[in-house]
């Protein structure tokens, strides 16, 4: 998904340079880019965090007879 954002950012820059930032296509691309970035931020917040530390269990003493 990050690759798509990077590609869309490059496309927006090229379109702005060519047509200006007030062109309708450029404005649509900018809206799509901002929507995509917002979706990424929201999905990162909603993703479960599995980085919890694991329980450390004491090791049993091995007494061999």
N, C-alpha and C. Protein backbone atom coordinates (compact mmCIF):
# COMPACT_ATOMS: atom_id res chain seq x y z
N UNK A 1 0.83 -1.19 0.00
CA UNK A 1 0.00 0.00 0.00
C UNK A 1 0.88 1.25 0.00
N UNK A 2 2.03 1.18 0.63
CA UNK A 2 2.92 2.34 0.67
C UNK A 2 3.45 2.66 -0.72
N UNK A 3 3.69 1.62 -1.50
CA UNK A 3 4.16 1.83 -2.88
C UNK A 3 3.12 2.59 -3.68
N UNK A 4 1.84 2.29 -3.45
CA UNK A 4 0.77 2.99 -4.16
C UNK A 4 0.74 4.46 -3.78
N UNK A 5 0.96 4.75 -2.50
CA UNK A 5 0.99 6.15 -2.04
C UNK A 5 2.16 6.89 -2.69
N UNK A 6 3.31 6.24 -2.74
CA UNK A 6 4.48 6.88 -3.35
C UNK A 6 4.25 7.15 -4.83
N UNK A 7 3.65 6.19 -5.52
CA UNK A 7 3.36 6.39 -6.94
C UNK A 7 2.36 7.52 -7.15
N UNK A 8 1.36 7.57 -6.31
CA UNK A 8 0.36 8.62 -6.42
C UNK A 8 0.95 10.00 -6.10
N UNK A 9 1.86 10.06 -5.15
CA UNK A 9 2.53 11.33 -4.84
C UNK A 9 3.35 11.82 -6.02
N UNK A 10 4.09 10.91 -6.66
CA UNK A 10 4.89 11.29 -7.83
C UNK A 10 3.99 11.76 -8.97
N UNK A 11 2.88 11.06 -9.17
CA UNK A 11 1.95 11.45 -10.22
C UNK A 11 1.37 12.83 -9.94
N UNK A 12 1.04 13.10 -8.69
CA UNK A 12 0.50 14.42 -8.33
C UNK A 12 1.51 15.53 -8.61
N UNK A 13 2.77 15.26 -8.27
CA UNK A 13 3.82 16.26 -8.52
C UNK A 13 3.97 16.53 -10.01
N UNK A 14 3.97 15.49 -10.80
CA UNK A 14 4.11 15.65 -12.26
C UNK A 14 2.92 16.41 -12.84
N UNK A 15 1.72 16.04 -12.39
CA UNK A 15 0.52 16.70 -12.91
C UNK A 15 0.47 18.17 -12.48
N UNK A 16 0.90 18.47 -11.26
CA UNK A 16 0.93 19.86 -10.81
C UNK A 16 1.90 20.68 -11.64
N UNK A 17 3.06 20.10 -11.93
CA UNK A 17 4.05 20.81 -12.73
C UNK A 17 3.54 21.06 -14.14
N UNK A 18 2.79 20.12 -14.66
CA UNK A 18 2.33 20.23 -16.03
C UNK A 18 1.08 21.11 -16.17
N UNK A 19 0.08 20.88 -15.31
CA UNK A 19 -1.20 21.54 -15.48
C UNK A 19 -1.52 22.62 -14.44
N UNK A 20 -0.73 22.67 -13.37
CA UNK A 20 -1.00 23.63 -12.31
C UNK A 20 -1.82 22.98 -11.20
N UNK A 21 -1.74 23.56 -10.02
CA UNK A 21 -2.38 22.92 -8.88
C UNK A 21 -3.89 23.14 -8.81
N UNK A 22 -4.44 23.99 -9.65
CA UNK A 22 -5.88 24.26 -9.63
C UNK A 22 -6.63 23.51 -10.73
N UNK A 23 -5.96 22.60 -11.42
CA UNK A 23 -6.60 21.79 -12.44
C UNK A 23 -7.51 20.76 -11.77
N UNK A 24 -8.61 20.41 -12.42
CA UNK A 24 -9.57 19.49 -11.80
C UNK A 24 -8.99 18.09 -11.61
N UNK A 25 -8.22 17.61 -12.60
CA UNK A 25 -7.61 16.28 -12.44
C UNK A 25 -6.61 16.27 -11.30
N UNK A 26 -5.84 17.32 -11.17
CA UNK A 26 -4.85 17.41 -10.10
C UNK A 26 -5.55 17.44 -8.75
N UNK A 27 -6.63 18.18 -8.67
CA UNK A 27 -7.37 18.26 -7.41
C UNK A 27 -7.99 16.90 -7.05
N UNK A 28 -8.47 16.16 -8.04
CA UNK A 28 -9.01 14.83 -7.79
C UNK A 28 -7.92 13.88 -7.29
N UNK A 29 -6.74 13.97 -7.90
CA UNK A 29 -5.62 13.13 -7.47
C UNK A 29 -5.20 13.47 -6.04
N UNK A 30 -5.20 14.75 -5.72
CA UNK A 30 -4.83 15.17 -4.37
C UNK A 30 -5.85 14.66 -3.35
N UNK A 31 -7.12 14.70 -3.71
CA UNK A 31 -8.16 14.17 -2.82
C UNK A 31 -8.00 12.67 -2.62
N UNK A 32 -7.71 11.96 -3.69
CA UNK A 32 -7.51 10.52 -3.59
C UNK A 32 -6.30 10.20 -2.73
N UNK A 33 -5.24 10.99 -2.89
CA UNK A 33 -4.04 10.79 -2.10
C UNK A 33 -4.30 11.02 -0.62
N UNK A 34 -5.00 12.09 -0.30
CA UNK A 34 -5.29 12.37 1.11
C UNK A 34 -6.20 11.30 1.71
N UNK A 35 -7.16 10.81 0.92
CA UNK A 35 -8.04 9.74 1.40
C UNK A 35 -7.26 8.46 1.66
N UNK A 36 -6.35 8.13 0.77
CA UNK A 36 -5.54 6.93 0.92
C UNK A 36 -4.63 7.03 2.15
N UNK A 37 -4.04 8.18 2.36
CA UNK A 37 -3.19 8.37 3.54
C UNK A 37 -4.00 8.26 4.82
N UNK A 38 -5.22 8.79 4.81
CA UNK A 38 -6.10 8.70 5.98
C UNK A 38 -6.47 7.24 6.26
N UNK A 39 -6.75 6.49 5.22
CA UNK A 39 -7.09 5.08 5.39
C UNK A 39 -5.92 4.30 5.98
N UNK A 40 -4.72 4.63 5.54
CA UNK A 40 -3.53 3.95 6.06
C UNK A 40 -3.35 4.27 7.54
N UNK A 41 -3.50 5.54 7.90
CA UNK A 41 -3.37 5.92 9.31
C UNK A 41 -4.41 5.22 10.18
N UNK A 42 -5.64 5.15 9.69
CA UNK A 42 -6.69 4.51 10.47
C UNK A 42 -6.47 3.01 10.59
N UNK A 43 -5.97 2.38 9.55
CA UNK A 43 -5.73 0.94 9.62
C UNK A 43 -4.55 0.63 10.54
N UNK A 44 -3.58 1.54 10.62
CA UNK A 44 -2.45 1.33 11.53
C UNK A 44 -2.92 1.43 12.98
N UNK A 45 -3.84 2.34 13.26
CA UNK A 45 -4.36 2.48 14.62
C UNK A 45 -5.23 1.29 14.99
N UNK A 46 -5.97 0.76 14.04
CA UNK A 46 -6.89 -0.33 14.32
C UNK A 46 -6.19 -1.69 14.37
N UNK A 47 -5.00 -1.78 13.85
CA UNK A 47 -4.28 -3.05 13.84
C UNK A 47 -3.92 -3.45 15.27
N UNK A 48 -4.09 -4.72 15.61
CA UNK A 48 -3.73 -5.15 16.96
C UNK A 48 -2.23 -5.08 17.17
N UNK A 49 -1.88 -4.83 18.38
CA UNK A 49 -0.47 -4.70 18.73
C UNK A 49 -0.01 -6.01 19.37
N UNK A 50 0.79 -6.77 18.66
CA UNK A 50 1.27 -8.05 19.15
C UNK A 50 2.66 -7.95 19.76
N UNK A 51 3.05 -6.78 20.14
CA UNK A 51 4.40 -6.60 20.67
C UNK A 51 4.44 -6.69 22.19
N UNK A 52 3.43 -7.32 22.77
CA UNK A 52 3.41 -7.47 24.22
C UNK A 52 4.51 -8.43 24.63
N UNK A 53 5.07 -8.18 25.79
CA UNK A 53 6.11 -9.08 26.25
C UNK A 53 5.47 -10.39 26.70
N UNK A 54 6.18 -11.42 26.51
CA UNK A 54 5.68 -12.74 26.88
C UNK A 54 5.91 -12.97 28.37
N UNK A 55 5.12 -13.82 28.92
CA UNK A 55 5.26 -14.15 30.33
C UNK A 55 6.53 -14.95 30.53
N UNK A 56 7.30 -14.56 31.50
CA UNK A 56 8.53 -15.28 31.82
C UNK A 56 8.17 -16.30 32.88
N UNK A 57 8.35 -17.55 32.55
CA UNK A 57 8.03 -18.62 33.48
C UNK A 57 9.33 -19.13 34.12
N UNK A 58 9.27 -19.36 35.41
CA UNK A 58 10.48 -19.89 36.05
C UNK A 58 10.73 -21.32 35.59
N UNK A 59 11.98 -21.64 35.45
CA UNK A 59 12.34 -22.98 35.01
C UNK A 59 12.36 -23.90 36.22
N UNK A 60 11.87 -25.09 36.01
CA UNK A 60 11.86 -26.07 37.08
C UNK A 60 13.28 -26.61 37.29
N UNK A 61 13.60 -26.88 38.54
CA UNK A 61 14.90 -27.47 38.85
C UNK A 61 14.90 -28.92 38.41
N UNK A 62 15.88 -29.29 37.67
CA UNK A 62 16.01 -30.67 37.23
C UNK A 62 16.88 -31.43 38.21
N UNK A 63 16.25 -32.27 38.95
CA UNK A 63 17.03 -33.08 39.89
C UNK A 63 17.03 -34.52 39.38
N UNK A 64 18.14 -34.93 38.94
CA UNK A 64 18.25 -36.28 38.44
C UNK A 64 18.62 -37.20 39.59
N UNK A 65 18.00 -38.35 39.69
CA UNK A 65 18.25 -39.27 40.79
C UNK A 65 19.37 -40.19 40.48
